[in-house]
Amino acid sequence: MKAVKTVTTKQLREVTILVRYTVKATGTVILYVRNDKGVCYYCTLAENGTHSCSCPSHVECYHLKAVIKVENARKAKWDAYKATLAKQLAKQYVSTSVVAEQAMMNAALTTNQGYRLLR
């Protein structure tokens, strides 16, 4: 469980994320959250930017604001990890390909001379 505090102009509210689901076919993220009063709601974050919450509010509630903040931080952390991993793999690939190429040149079975018959 992850407790996220959201500051609004009126008061400090806490939202705890209990469960996080991802629908891989659509990219939709569904979070089951509990507020500081103990009431649980479902928050849905779609790929196209339409977000919804099962609370009775008709405007963007503090549940959604907290969940969007957490998901944006999660996405930024994941993107940073992918970038560092890509750099590491690129470095490894270049070094192993250069080593493999050098090894092939050093251990060549033929010379750079053309075809000739032995006499």
PDB file of N, CA and C in Angstrom:
ATOM      1  N   MET A   1       0.844  -1.173   0.000  1.00  0.00           N
ATOM      2  CA  MET A   1       0.000   0.000   0.000  1.00  0.00           C
ATOM      3  C   MET A   1       0.891   1.238   0.000  1.00  0.00           C
ATOM      4  N   LYS A   2       0.471   2.196  -0.778  1.00  0.00           N
ATOM      5  CA  LYS A   2       1.251   3.413  -0.903  1.00  0.00           C
ATOM      6  C   LYS A   2       0.374   4.598  -0.544  1.00  0.00           C
ATOM      7  N   ALA A   3       0.762   5.338   0.465  1.00  0.00           N
ATOM      8  CA  ALA A   3      -0.005   6.497   0.897  1.00  0.00           C
ATOM      9  C   ALA A   3       0.501   7.730   0.161  1.00  0.00           C
ATOM     10  N   VAL A   4      -0.409   8.457  -0.427  1.00  0.00           N
ATOM     11  CA  VAL A   4      -0.073   9.658  -1.171  1.00  0.00           C
ATOM     12  C   VAL A   4      -0.838  10.813  -0.558  1.00  0.00           C
ATOM     13  N   LYS A   5      -0.136  11.858  -0.182  1.00  0.00           N
ATOM     14  CA  LYS A   5      -0.798  13.023   0.396  1.00  0.00           C
ATOM     15  C   LYS A   5      -0.980  14.071  -0.683  1.00  0.00           C
ATOM     16  N   THR A   6      -2.180  14.595  -0.783  1.00  0.00           N
ATOM     17  CA  THR A   6      -2.494  15.626  -1.748  1.00  0.00           C
ATOM     18  C   THR A   6      -2.897  16.885  -1.003  1.00  0.00           C
ATOM     19  N   VAL A   7      -2.276  17.983  -1.339  1.00  0.00           N
ATOM     20  CA  VAL A   7      -2.580  19.245  -0.684  1.00  0.00           C
ATOM     21  C   VAL A   7      -3.551  20.020  -1.568  1.00  0.00           C
ATOM     22  N   THR A   8      -4.683  20.372  -1.016  1.00  0.00           N
ATOM     23  CA  THR A   8      -5.632  21.230  -1.712  1.00  0.00           C
ATOM     24  C   THR A   8      -5.668  22.557  -0.972  1.00  0.00           C
ATOM     25  N   THR A   9      -6.398  23.487  -1.513  1.00  0.00           N
ATOM     26  CA  THR A   9      -6.484  24.790  -0.858  1.00  0.00           C
ATOM     27  C   THR A   9      -7.266  24.699   0.442  1.00  0.00           C
ATOM     28  N   LYS A  10      -8.154  23.733   0.564  1.00  0.00           N
ATOM     29  CA  LYS A  10      -8.990  23.628   1.751  1.00  0.00           C
ATOM     30  C   LYS A  10      -8.328  22.839   2.871  1.00  0.00           C
ATOM     31  N   GLN A  11      -7.746  21.680   2.531  1.00  0.00           N
ATOM     32  CA  GLN A  11      -7.243  20.812   3.584  1.00  0.00           C
ATOM     33  C   GLN A  11      -6.242  19.814   3.026  1.00  0.00           C
ATOM     34  N   LEU A  12      -5.580  19.116   3.912  1.00  0.00           N
ATOM     35  CA  LEU A  12      -4.635  18.080   3.533  1.00  0.00           C
ATOM     36  C   LEU A  12      -5.389  16.752   3.538  1.00  0.00           C
ATOM     37  N   ARG A  13      -5.390  16.054   2.385  1.00  0.00           N
ATOM     38  CA  ARG A  13      -6.104  14.779   2.271  1.00  0.00           C
ATOM     39  C   ARG A  13      -5.120  13.680   1.907  1.00  0.00           C
ATOM     40  N   GLU A  14      -5.354  12.500   2.404  1.00  0.00           N
ATOM     41  CA  GLU A  14      -4.481  11.365   2.134  1.00  0.00           C
ATOM     42  C   GLU A  14      -5.230  10.316   1.334  1.00  0.00           C
ATOM     43  N   VAL A  15      -4.579   9.789   0.327  1.00  0.00           N
ATOM     44  CA  VAL A  15      -5.147   8.738  -0.509  1.00  0.00           C
ATOM     45  C   VAL A  15      -4.167   7.566  -0.480  1.00  0.00           C
ATOM     46  N   THR A  16      -4.674   6.378  -0.191  1.00  0.00           N
ATOM     47  CA  THR A  16      -3.840   5.181  -0.172  1.00  0.00           C
ATOM     48  C   THR A  16      -4.214   4.299  -1.350  1.00  0.00           C
ATOM     49  N   ILE A  17      -3.213   3.953  -2.165  1.00  0.00           N
ATOM     50  CA  ILE A  17      -3.458   3.059  -3.300  1.00  0.00           C
ATOM     51  C   ILE A  17      -3.379   1.629  -2.783  1.00  0.00           C
ATOM     52  N   LEU A  18      -4.494   0.920  -2.885  1.00  0.00           N
ATOM     53  CA  LEU A  18      -4.554  -0.449  -2.394  1.00  0.00           C
ATOM     54  C   LEU A  18      -4.150  -1.452  -3.475  1.00  0.00           C
ATOM     55  N   VAL A  19      -4.685  -1.281  -4.679  1.00  0.00           N
ATOM     56  CA  VAL A  19      -4.429  -2.209  -5.777  1.00  0.00           C
ATOM     57  C   VAL A  19      -4.275  -1.415  -7.068  1.00  0.00           C
ATOM     58  N   ARG A  20      -3.387  -1.885  -7.952  1.00  0.00           N
ATOM     59  CA  ARG A  20      -3.189  -1.261  -9.262  1.00  0.00           C
ATOM     60  C   ARG A  20      -3.319  -2.343 -10.329  1.00  0.00           C
ATOM     61  N   TYR A  21      -4.237  -2.146 -11.262  1.00  0.00           N
ATOM     62  CA  TYR A  21      -4.434  -3.061 -12.379  1.00  0.00           C
ATOM     63  C   TYR A  21      -4.082  -2.337 -13.676  1.00  0.00           C
ATOM     64  N   THR A  22      -3.550  -3.089 -14.642  1.00  0.00           N
ATOM     65  CA  THR A  22      -3.300  -2.532 -15.968  1.00  0.00           C
ATOM     66  C   THR A  22      -3.971  -3.425 -16.993  1.00  0.00           C
ATOM     67  N   VAL A  23      -4.800  -2.835 -17.848  1.00  0.00           N
ATOM     68  CA  VAL A  23      -5.414  -3.557 -18.953  1.00  0.00           C
ATOM     69  C   VAL A  23      -4.455  -3.414 -20.131  1.00  0.00           C
ATOM     70  N   LYS A  24      -3.733  -4.486 -20.452  1.00  0.00           N
ATOM     71  CA  LYS A  24      -2.684  -4.397 -21.457  1.00  0.00           C
ATOM     72  C   LYS A  24      -3.229  -4.119 -22.852  1.00  0.00           C
ATOM     73  N   ALA A  25      -4.412  -4.588 -23.160  1.00  0.00           N
ATOM     74  CA  ALA A  25      -4.973  -4.395 -24.497  1.00  0.00           C
ATOM     75  C   ALA A  25      -5.244  -2.922 -24.792  1.00  0.00           C
ATOM     76  N   THR A  26      -5.651  -2.165 -23.784  1.00  0.00           N
ATOM     77  CA  THR A  26      -6.006  -0.763 -24.000  1.00  0.00           C
ATOM     78  C   THR A  26      -5.036   0.209 -23.346  1.00  0.00           C
ATOM     79  N   GLY A  27      -4.202  -0.259 -22.424  1.00  0.00           N
ATOM     80  CA  GLY A  27      -3.290   0.618 -21.706  1.00  0.00           C
ATOM     81  C   GLY A  27      -3.944   1.349 -20.549  1.00  0.00           C
ATOM     82  N   THR A  28      -5.155   0.985 -20.215  1.00  0.00           N
ATOM     83  CA  THR A  28      -5.887   1.622 -19.120  1.00  0.00           C
ATOM     84  C   THR A  28      -5.355   1.133 -17.779  1.00  0.00           C
ATOM     85  N   VAL A  29      -5.197   2.058 -16.852  1.00  0.00           N
ATOM     86  CA  VAL A  29      -4.745   1.728 -15.499  1.00  0.00           C
ATOM     87  C   VAL A  29      -5.929   1.947 -14.554  1.00  0.00           C
ATOM     88  N   ILE A  30      -6.227   0.939 -13.751  1.00  0.00           N
ATOM     89  CA  ILE A  30      -7.327   1.018 -12.785  1.00  0.00           C
ATOM     90  C   ILE A  30      -6.720   0.879 -11.393  1.00  0.00           C
ATOM     91  N   LEU A  31      -7.013   1.840 -10.538  1.00  0.00           N
ATOM     92  CA  LEU A  31      -6.469   1.832  -9.181  1.00  0.00           C
ATOM     93  C   LEU A  31      -7.609   1.809  -8.177  1.00  0.00           C
ATOM     94  N   TYR A  32      -7.471   0.971  -7.182  1.00  0.00           N
ATOM     95  CA  TYR A  32      -8.430   0.903  -6.092  1.00  0.00           C
ATOM     96  C   TYR A  32      -7.811   1.665  -4.928  1.00  0.00           C
ATOM     97  N   VAL A  33      -8.431   2.780  -4.536  1.00  0.00           N
ATOM     98  CA  VAL A  33      -7.845   3.671  -3.535  1.00  0.00           C
ATOM     99  C   VAL A  33      -8.768   3.823  -2.328  1.00  0.00           C
ATOM    100  N   ARG A  34      -8.147   4.184  -1.196  1.00  0.00           N
ATOM    101  CA  ARG A  34      -8.910   4.465   0.017  1.00  0.00           C
ATOM    102  C   ARG A  34      -8.519   5.856   0.491  1.00  0.00           C
ATOM    103  N   ASN A  35      -9.528   6.667   0.803  1.00  0.00           N
ATOM    104  CA  ASN A  35      -9.227   8.020   1.289  1.00  0.00           C
ATOM    105  C   ASN A  35      -9.009   7.997   2.802  1.00  0.00           C
ATOM    106  N   ASP A  36      -8.757   9.159   3.375  1.00  0.00           N
ATOM    107  CA  ASP A  36      -8.454   9.241   4.801  1.00  0.00           C
ATOM    108  C   ASP A  36      -9.660   8.949   5.695  1.00  0.00           C
ATOM    109  N   LYS A  37     -10.846   8.935   5.123  1.00  0.00           N
ATOM    110  CA  LYS A  37     -12.048   8.602   5.903  1.00  0.00           C
ATOM    111  C   LYS A  37     -12.359   7.113   5.850  1.00  0.00           C
ATOM    112  N   GLY A  38     -11.579   6.341   5.060  1.00  0.00           N
ATOM    113  CA  GLY A  38     -11.775   4.900   4.975  1.00  0.00           C
ATOM    114  C   GLY A  38     -12.695   4.459   3.854  1.00  0.00           C
ATOM    115  N   VAL A  39     -13.134   5.369   2.998  1.00  0.00           N
ATOM    116  CA  VAL A  39     -14.022   5.029   1.881  1.00  0.00           C
ATOM    117  C   VAL A  39     -13.156   4.669   0.672  1.00  0.00           C
ATOM    118  N   CYS A  40     -13.516   3.585  -0.016  1.00  0.00           N
ATOM    119  CA  CYS A  40     -12.736   3.108  -1.159  1.00  0.00           C
ATOM    120  C   CYS A  40     -13.420   3.479  -2.469  1.00  0.00           C
ATOM    121  N   TYR A  41     -12.602   3.816  -3.463  1.00  0.00           N
ATOM    122  CA  TYR A  41     -13.083   4.189  -4.799  1.00  0.00           C
ATOM    123  C   TYR A  41     -12.175   3.587  -5.859  1.00  0.00           C
ATOM    124  N   TYR A  42     -12.704   3.467  -7.074  1.00  0.00           N
ATOM    125  CA  TYR A  42     -11.924   3.052  -8.230  1.00  0.00           C
ATOM    126  C   TYR A  42     -11.590   4.286  -9.062  1.00  0.00           C
ATOM    127  N   CYS A  43     -10.315   4.456  -9.387  1.00  0.00           N
ATOM    128  CA  CYS A  43      -9.881   5.521 -10.285  1.00  0.00           C
ATOM    129  C   CYS A  43      -9.380   4.868 -11.559  1.00  0.00           C
ATOM    130  N   THR A  44      -9.845   5.364 -12.695  1.00  0.00           N
ATOM    131  CA  THR A  44      -9.475   4.814 -13.994  1.00  0.00           C
ATOM    132  C   THR A  44      -8.737   5.865 -14.794  1.00  0.00           C
ATOM    133  N   LEU A  45      -7.535   5.500 -15.283  1.00  0.00           N
ATOM    134  CA  LEU A  45      -6.716   6.399 -16.100  1.00  0.00           C
ATOM    135  C   LEU A  45      -6.562   5.767 -17.476  1.00  0.00           C
ATOM    136  N   ALA A  46      -7.131   6.412 -18.479  1.00  0.00           N
ATOM    137  CA  ALA A  46      -7.066   5.886 -19.842  1.00  0.00           C
ATOM    138  C   ALA A  46      -5.884   6.510 -20.590  1.00  0.00           C
ATOM    139  N   GLU A  47      -5.421   5.823 -21.620  1.00  0.00           N
ATOM    140  CA  GLU A  47      -4.300   6.300 -22.432  1.00  0.00           C
ATOM    141  C   GLU A  47      -4.624   7.616 -23.141  1.00  0.00           C
ATOM    142  N   ASN A  48      -5.871   7.810 -23.525  1.00  0.00           N
ATOM    143  CA  ASN A  48      -6.240   9.009 -24.285  1.00  0.00           C
ATOM    144  C   ASN A  48      -6.449  10.234 -23.398  1.00  0.00           C
ATOM    145  N   GLY A  49      -6.220  10.108 -22.085  1.00  0.00           N
ATOM    146  CA  GLY A  49      -6.309  11.251 -21.189  1.00  0.00           C
ATOM    147  C   GLY A  49      -7.642  11.418 -20.492  1.00  0.00           C
ATOM    148  N   THR A  50      -8.597  10.542 -20.747  1.00  0.00           N
ATOM    149  CA  THR A  50      -9.876  10.616 -20.039  1.00  0.00           C
ATOM    150  C   THR A  50      -9.752   9.808 -18.754  1.00  0.00           C
ATOM    151  N   HIS A  51      -9.947  10.476 -17.640  1.00  0.00           N
ATOM    152  CA  HIS A  51      -9.819   9.836 -16.340  1.00  0.00           C
ATOM    153  C   HIS A  51     -11.165   9.905 -15.622  1.00  0.00           C
ATOM    154  N   SER A  52     -11.415   8.905 -14.790  1.00  0.00           N
ATOM    155  CA  SER A  52     -12.677   8.904 -14.049  1.00  0.00           C
ATOM    156  C   SER A  52     -12.461   8.306 -12.668  1.00  0.00           C
ATOM    157  N   CYS A  53     -13.371   8.634 -11.792  1.00  0.00           N
ATOM    158  CA  CYS A  53     -13.349   8.135 -10.420  1.00  0.00           C
ATOM    159  C   CYS A  53     -14.769   7.732 -10.041  1.00  0.00           C
ATOM    160  N   SER A  54     -14.893   6.733  -9.187  1.00  0.00           N
ATOM    161  CA  SER A  54     -16.229   6.275  -8.792  1.00  0.00           C
ATOM    162  C   SER A  54     -16.809   7.063  -7.630  1.00  0.00           C
ATOM    163  N   CYS A  55     -16.151   8.127  -7.201  1.00  0.00           N
ATOM    164  CA  CYS A  55     -16.684   8.945  -6.108  1.00  0.00           C
ATOM    165  C   CYS A  55     -17.827   9.820  -6.636  1.00  0.00           C
ATOM    166  N   PRO A  56     -18.632  10.390  -5.762  1.00  0.00           N
ATOM    167  CA  PRO A  56     -19.797  11.175  -6.206  1.00  0.00           C
ATOM    168  C   PRO A  56     -19.455  12.558  -6.779  1.00  0.00           C
ATOM    169  N   SER A  57     -18.199  12.952  -6.774  1.00  0.00           N
ATOM    170  CA  SER A  57     -17.820  14.269  -7.278  1.00  0.00           C
ATOM    171  C   SER A  57     -18.041  14.359  -8.789  1.00  0.00           C
ATOM    172  N   HIS A  58     -18.436  15.548  -9.278  1.00  0.00           N
ATOM    173  CA  HIS A  58     -18.673  15.756 -10.708  1.00  0.00           C
ATOM    174  C   HIS A  58     -17.496  16.442 -11.390  1.00  0.00           C
ATOM    175  N   VAL A  59     -16.542  16.912 -10.627  1.00  0.00           N
ATOM    176  CA  VAL A  59     -15.341  17.541 -11.181  1.00  0.00           C
ATOM    177  C   VAL A  59     -14.147  16.645 -10.830  1.00  0.00           C
ATOM    178  N   GLU A  60     -12.960  17.025 -11.283  1.00  0.00           N
ATOM    179  CA  GLU A  60     -11.782  16.229 -10.984  1.00  0.00           C
ATOM    180  C   GLU A  60     -11.521  16.256  -9.472  1.00  0.00           C
ATOM    181  N   CYS A  61     -11.624  15.100  -8.836  1.00  0.00           N
ATOM    182  CA  CYS A  61     -11.515  15.010  -7.376  1.00  0.00           C
ATOM    183  C   CYS A  61     -10.061  14.867  -6.942  1.00  0.00           C
ATOM    184  N   TYR A  62      -9.862  14.941  -5.646  1.00  0.00           N
ATOM    185  CA  TYR A  62      -8.511  14.821  -5.122  1.00  0.00           C
ATOM    186  C   TYR A  62      -7.978  13.406  -5.290  1.00  0.00           C
ATOM    187  N   HIS A  63      -8.859  12.400  -5.425  1.00  0.00           N
ATOM    188  CA  HIS A  63      -8.407  11.028  -5.683  1.00  0.00           C
ATOM    189  C   HIS A  63      -7.671  10.979  -7.016  1.00  0.00           C
ATOM    190  N   LEU A  64      -8.302  11.555  -8.039  1.00  0.00           N
ATOM    191  CA  LEU A  64      -7.691  11.556  -9.372  1.00  0.00           C
ATOM    192  C   LEU A  64      -6.399  12.361  -9.396  1.00  0.00           C
ATOM    193  N   LYS A  65      -6.388  13.494  -8.745  1.00  0.00           N
ATOM    194  CA  LYS A  65      -5.171  14.314  -8.732  1.00  0.00           C
ATOM    195  C   LYS A  65      -4.012  13.546  -8.115  1.00  0.00           C
ATOM    196  N   ALA A  66      -4.265  12.853  -7.013  1.00  0.00           N
ATOM    197  CA  ALA A  66      -3.215  12.087  -6.341  1.00  0.00           C
ATOM    198  C   ALA A  66      -2.746  10.915  -7.201  1.00  0.00           C
ATOM    199  N   VAL A  67      -3.698  10.218  -7.813  1.00  0.00           N
ATOM    200  CA  VAL A  67      -3.366   9.055  -8.622  1.00  0.00           C
ATOM    201  C   VAL A  67      -2.604   9.477  -9.886  1.00  0.00           C
ATOM    202  N   ILE A  68      -3.015  10.568 -10.515  1.00  0.00           N
ATOM    203  CA  ILE A  68      -2.330  11.060 -11.707  1.00  0.00           C
ATOM    204  C   ILE A  68      -0.895  11.451 -11.356  1.00  0.00           C
ATOM    205  N   LYS A  69      -0.710  12.075 -10.203  1.00  0.00           N
ATOM    206  CA  LYS A  69       0.631  12.468  -9.757  1.00  0.00           C
ATOM    207  C   LYS A  69       1.516  11.231  -9.571  1.00  0.00           C
ATOM    208  N   VAL A  70       0.986  10.200  -8.943  1.00  0.00           N
ATOM    209  CA  VAL A  70       1.750   8.975  -8.705  1.00  0.00           C
ATOM    210  C   VAL A  70       2.075   8.283 -10.023  1.00  0.00           C
ATOM    211  N   GLU A  71       1.113   8.200 -10.928  1.00  0.00           N
ATOM    212  CA  GLU A  71       1.340   7.522 -12.212  1.00  0.00           C
ATOM    213  C   GLU A  71       2.330   8.281 -13.084  1.00  0.00           C
ATOM    214  N   ASN A  72       2.298   9.612 -13.044  1.00  0.00           N
ATOM    215  CA  ASN A  72       3.280  10.391 -13.809  1.00  0.00           C
ATOM    216  C   ASN A  72       4.689  10.169 -13.277  1.00  0.00           C
ATOM    217  N   ALA A  73       4.828  10.105 -11.954  1.00  0.00           N
ATOM    218  CA  ALA A  73       6.136   9.839 -11.353  1.00  0.00           C
ATOM    219  C   ALA A  73       6.605   8.430 -11.704  1.00  0.00           C
ATOM    220  N   ARG A  74       5.686   7.492 -11.704  1.00  0.00           N
ATOM    221  CA  ARG A  74       6.009   6.105 -12.056  1.00  0.00           C
ATOM    222  C   ARG A  74       6.470   6.010 -13.507  1.00  0.00           C
ATOM    223  N   LYS A  75       5.767   6.704 -14.394  1.00  0.00           N
ATOM    224  CA  LYS A  75       6.118   6.692 -15.815  1.00  0.00           C
ATOM    225  C   LYS A  75       7.474   7.343 -16.051  1.00  0.00           C
ATOM    226  N   ALA A  76       7.747   8.451 -15.360  1.00  0.00           N
ATOM    227  CA  ALA A  76       9.039   9.124 -15.501  1.00  0.00           C
ATOM    228  C   ALA A  76      10.174   8.218 -15.026  1.00  0.00           C
ATOM    229  N   LYS A  77       9.963   7.522 -13.927  1.00  0.00           N
ATOM    230  CA  LYS A  77      10.982   6.614 -13.407  1.00  0.00           C
ATOM    231  C   LYS A  77      11.220   5.459 -14.381  1.00  0.00           C
ATOM    232  N   TRP A  78      10.153   4.931 -14.966  1.00  0.00           N
ATOM    233  CA  TRP A  78      10.264   3.831 -15.924  1.00  0.00           C
ATOM    234  C   TRP A  78      10.979   4.288 -17.196  1.00  0.00           C
ATOM    235  N   ASP A  79      10.661   5.487 -17.685  1.00  0.00           N
ATOM    236  CA  ASP A  79      11.320   6.014 -18.878  1.00  0.00           C
ATOM    237  C   ASP A  79      12.813   6.234 -18.633  1.00  0.00           C
ATOM    238  N   ALA A  80      13.173   6.716 -17.450  1.00  0.00           N
ATOM    239  CA  ALA A  80      14.582   6.913 -17.111  1.00  0.00           C
ATOM    240  C   ALA A  80      15.308   5.577 -17.052  1.00  0.00           C
ATOM    241  N   TYR A  81      14.672   4.574 -16.494  1.00  0.00           N
ATOM    242  CA  TYR A  81      15.267   3.240 -16.440  1.00  0.00           C
ATOM    243  C   TYR A  81      15.478   2.674 -17.837  1.00  0.00           C
ATOM    244  N   LYS A  82      14.479   2.826 -18.710  1.00  0.00           N
ATOM    245  CA  LYS A  82      14.614   2.322 -20.076  1.00  0.00           C
ATOM    246  C   LYS A  82      15.741   3.026 -20.814  1.00  0.00           C
ATOM    247  N   ALA A  83      15.902   4.323 -20.589  1.00  0.00           N
ATOM    248  CA  ALA A  83      16.965   5.069 -21.258  1.00  0.00           C
ATOM    249  C   ALA A  83      18.343   4.593 -20.793  1.00  0.00           C
ATOM    250  N   THR A  84      18.522   4.400 -19.492  1.00  0.00           N
ATOM    251  CA  THR A  84      19.822   3.924 -19.002  1.00  0.00           C
ATOM    252  C   THR A  84      20.089   2.496 -19.462  1.00  0.00           C
ATOM    253  N   LEU A  85      19.061   1.672 -19.505  1.00  0.00           N
ATOM    254  CA  LEU A  85      19.227   0.304 -19.968  1.00  0.00           C
ATOM    255  C   LEU A  85      19.616   0.279 -21.444  1.00  0.00           C
ATOM    256  N   ALA A  86      18.997   1.139 -22.241  1.00  0.00           N
ATOM    257  CA  ALA A  86      19.332   1.209 -23.664  1.00  0.00           C
ATOM    258  C   ALA A  86      20.785   1.645 -23.860  1.00  0.00           C
ATOM    259  N   LYS A  87      21.239   2.598 -23.043  1.00  0.00           N
ATOM    260  CA  LYS A  87      22.639   3.040 -23.139  1.00  0.00           C
ATOM    261  C   LYS A  87      23.590   1.911 -22.762  1.00  0.00           C
ATOM    262  N   GLN A  88      23.256   1.183 -21.710  1.00  0.00           N
ATOM    263  CA  GLN A  88      24.108   0.071 -21.289  1.00  0.00           C
ATOM    264  C   GLN A  88      24.162  -1.013 -22.356  1.00  0.00           C
ATOM    265  N   LEU A  89      23.009  -1.336 -22.920  1.00  0.00           N
ATOM    266  CA  LEU A  89      22.975  -2.368 -23.955  1.00  0.00           C
ATOM    267  C   LEU A  89      23.695  -1.915 -25.220  1.00  0.00           C
ATOM    268  N   ALA A  90      23.566  -0.641 -25.567  1.00  0.00           N
ATOM    269  CA  ALA A  90      24.266  -0.126 -26.737  1.00  0.00           C
ATOM    270  C   ALA A  90      25.772  -0.190 -26.521  1.00  0.00           C
ATOM    271  N   LYS A  91      26.225   0.163 -25.330  1.00  0.00           N
ATOM    272  CA  LYS A  91      27.648   0.091 -25.013  1.00  0.00           C
ATOM    273  C   LYS A  91      28.144  -1.346 -25.092  1.00  0.00           C
ATOM    274  N   GLN A  92      27.359  -2.258 -24.548  1.00  0.00           N
ATOM    275  CA  GLN A  92      27.737  -3.661 -24.551  1.00  0.00           C
ATOM    276  C   GLN A  92      27.763  -4.210 -25.970  1.00  0.00           C
ATOM    277  N   TYR A  93      26.782  -3.848 -26.775  1.00  0.00           N
ATOM    278  CA  TYR A  93      26.712  -4.353 -28.146  1.00  0.00           C
ATOM    279  C   TYR A  93      27.897  -3.850 -28.958  1.00  0.00           C
ATOM    280  N   VAL A  94      28.216  -2.580 -28.840  1.00  0.00           N
ATOM    281  CA  VAL A  94      29.328  -2.020 -29.599  1.00  0.00           C
ATOM    282  C   VAL A  94      30.626  -2.690 -29.181  1.00  0.00           C
ATOM    283  N   SER A  95      30.834  -2.849 -27.889  1.00  0.00           N
ATOM    284  CA  SER A  95      32.093  -3.442 -27.441  1.00  0.00           C
ATOM    285  C   SER A  95      32.194  -4.904 -27.854  1.00  0.00           C
ATOM    286  N   THR A  96      31.120  -5.662 -27.757  1.00  0.00           N
ATOM    287  CA  THR A  96      31.194  -7.067 -28.150  1.00  0.00           C
ATOM    288  C   THR A  96      31.306  -7.216 -29.654  1.00  0.00           C
ATOM    289  N   SER A  97      30.665  -6.340 -30.410  1.00  0.00           N
ATOM    290  CA  SER A  97      30.792  -6.442 -31.865  1.00  0.00           C
ATOM    291  C   SER A  97      32.194  -6.059 -32.319  1.00  0.00           C
ATOM    292  N   VAL A  98      32.782  -5.056 -31.687  1.00  0.00           N
ATOM    293  CA  VAL A  98      34.149  -4.666 -32.035  1.00  0.00           C
ATOM    294  C   VAL A  98      35.115  -5.782 -31.664  1.00  0.00           C
ATOM    295  N   VAL A  99      34.931  -6.381 -30.495  1.00  0.00           N
ATOM    296  CA  VAL A  99      35.791  -7.480 -30.076  1.00  0.00           C
ATOM    297  C   VAL A  99      35.632  -8.666 -31.011  1.00  0.00           C
ATOM    298  N   ALA A 100      34.411  -8.979 -31.370  1.00  0.00           N
ATOM    299  CA  ALA A 100      34.175 -10.101 -32.279  1.00  0.00           C
ATOM    300  C   ALA A 100      34.805  -9.830 -33.641  1.00  0.00           C
ATOM    301  N   GLU A 101      34.701  -8.616 -34.121  1.00  0.00           N
ATOM    302  CA  GLU A 101      35.298  -8.256 -35.411  1.00  0.00           C
ATOM    303  C   GLU A 101      36.816  -8.355 -35.353  1.00  0.00           C
ATOM    304  N   GLN A 102      37.406  -7.854 -34.270  1.00  0.00           N
ATOM    305  CA  GLN A 102      38.851  -7.932 -34.103  1.00  0.00           C
ATOM    306  C   GLN A 102      39.302  -9.388 -34.014  1.00  0.00           C
ATOM    307  N   ALA A 103      38.557 -10.200 -33.312  1.00  0.00           N
ATOM    308  CA  ALA A 103      38.904 -11.612 -33.172  1.00  0.00           C
ATOM    309  C   ALA A 103      38.859 -12.304 -34.528  1.00  0.00           C
ATOM    310  N   MET A 104      37.882 -11.978 -35.344  1.00  0.00           N
ATOM    311  CA  MET A 104      37.781 -12.572 -36.682  1.00  0.00           C
ATOM    312  C   MET A 104      38.940 -12.137 -37.565  1.00  0.00           C
ATOM    313  N   MET A 105      39.357 -10.892 -37.457  1.00  0.00           N
ATOM    314  CA  MET A 105      40.471 -10.394 -38.261  1.00  0.00           C
ATOM    315  C   MET A 105      41.784 -11.041 -37.820  1.00  0.00           C
ATOM    316  N   ASN A 106      41.959 -11.222 -36.517  1.00  0.00           N
ATOM    317  CA  ASN A 106      43.199 -11.793 -36.008  1.00  0.00           C
ATOM    318  C   ASN A 106      43.295 -13.283 -36.265  1.00  0.00           C
ATOM    319  N   ALA A 107      42.187 -13.962 -36.275  1.00  0.00           N
ATOM    320  CA  ALA A 107      42.186 -15.408 -36.446  1.00  0.00           C
ATOM    321  C   ALA A 107      41.652 -15.800 -37.820  1.00  0.00           C
ATOM    322  N   ALA A 108      41.925 -15.010 -38.834  1.00  0.00           N
ATOM    323  CA  ALA A 108      41.422 -15.305 -40.172  1.00  0.00           C
ATOM    324  C   ALA A 108      42.080 -16.576 -40.707  1.00  0.00           C
ATOM    325  N   LEU A 109      41.305 -17.419 -41.325  1.00  0.00           N
ATOM    326  CA  LEU A 109      41.824 -18.653 -41.882  1.00  0.00           C
ATOM    327  C   LEU A 109      42.446 -18.434 -43.257  1.00  0.00           C
ATOM    328  N   THR A 110      42.061 -17.381 -43.897  1.00  0.00           N
ATOM    329  CA  THR A 110      42.615 -17.087 -45.213  1.00  0.00           C
ATOM    330  C   THR A 110      43.348 -15.764 -45.155  1.00  0.00           C
ATOM    331  N   THR A 111      44.168 -15.544 -46.133  1.00  0.00           N
ATOM    332  CA  THR A 111      44.851 -14.265 -46.219  1.00  0.00           C
ATOM    333  C   THR A 111      44.094 -13.364 -47.164  1.00  0.00           C
ATOM    334  N   ASN A 112      44.530 -12.166 -47.304  1.00  0.00           N
ATOM    335  CA  ASN A 112      43.868 -11.226 -48.189  1.00  0.00           C
ATOM    336  C   ASN A 112      44.306 -11.391 -49.647  1.00  0.00           C
ATOM    337  N   GLN A 113      45.036 -12.455 -49.960  1.00  0.00           N
ATOM    338  CA  GLN A 113      45.475 -12.704 -51.326  1.00  0.00           C
ATOM    339  C   GLN A 113      44.364 -13.402 -52.085  1.00  0.00           C
ATOM    340  N   GLY A 114      44.375 -13.260 -53.383  1.00  0.00           N
ATOM    341  CA  GLY A 114      43.370 -13.905 -54.227  1.00  0.00           C
ATOM    342  C   GLY A 114      43.571 -15.403 -54.308  1.00  0.00           C
ATOM    343  N   TYR A 115      42.749 -16.050 -55.080  1.00  0.00           N
ATOM    344  CA  TYR A 115      42.782 -17.507 -55.237  1.00  0.00           C
ATOM    345  C   TYR A 115      43.999 -17.886 -56.079  1.00  0.00           C
ATOM    346  N   ARG A 116      44.712 -18.915 -55.652  1.00  0.00           N
ATOM    347  CA  ARG A 116      45.830 -19.408 -56.449  1.00  0.00           C
ATOM    348  C   ARG A 116      45.994 -20.914 -56.217  1.00  0.00           C
ATOM    349  N   LEU A 117      46.520 -21.548 -57.199  1.00  0.00           N
ATOM    350  CA  LEU A 117      46.747 -23.000 -57.124  1.00  0.00           C
ATOM    351  C   LEU A 117      48.096 -23.293 -56.507  1.00  0.00           C
ATOM    352  N   LEU A 118      48.130 -24.319 -55.734  1.00  0.00           N
ATOM    353  CA  LEU A 118      49.392 -24.741 -55.151  1.00  0.00           C
ATOM    354  C   LEU A 118      50.160 -25.562 -56.182  1.00  0.00           C
ATOM    355  N   ARG A 119      51.442 -25.416 -56.321  1.00  0.00           N
ATOM    356  CA  ARG A 119      52.228 -26.210 -57.270  1.00  0.00           C
ATOM    357  C   ARG A 119      53.178 -27.093 -56.562  1.00  0.00           C
TER     358      ARG A 119
END
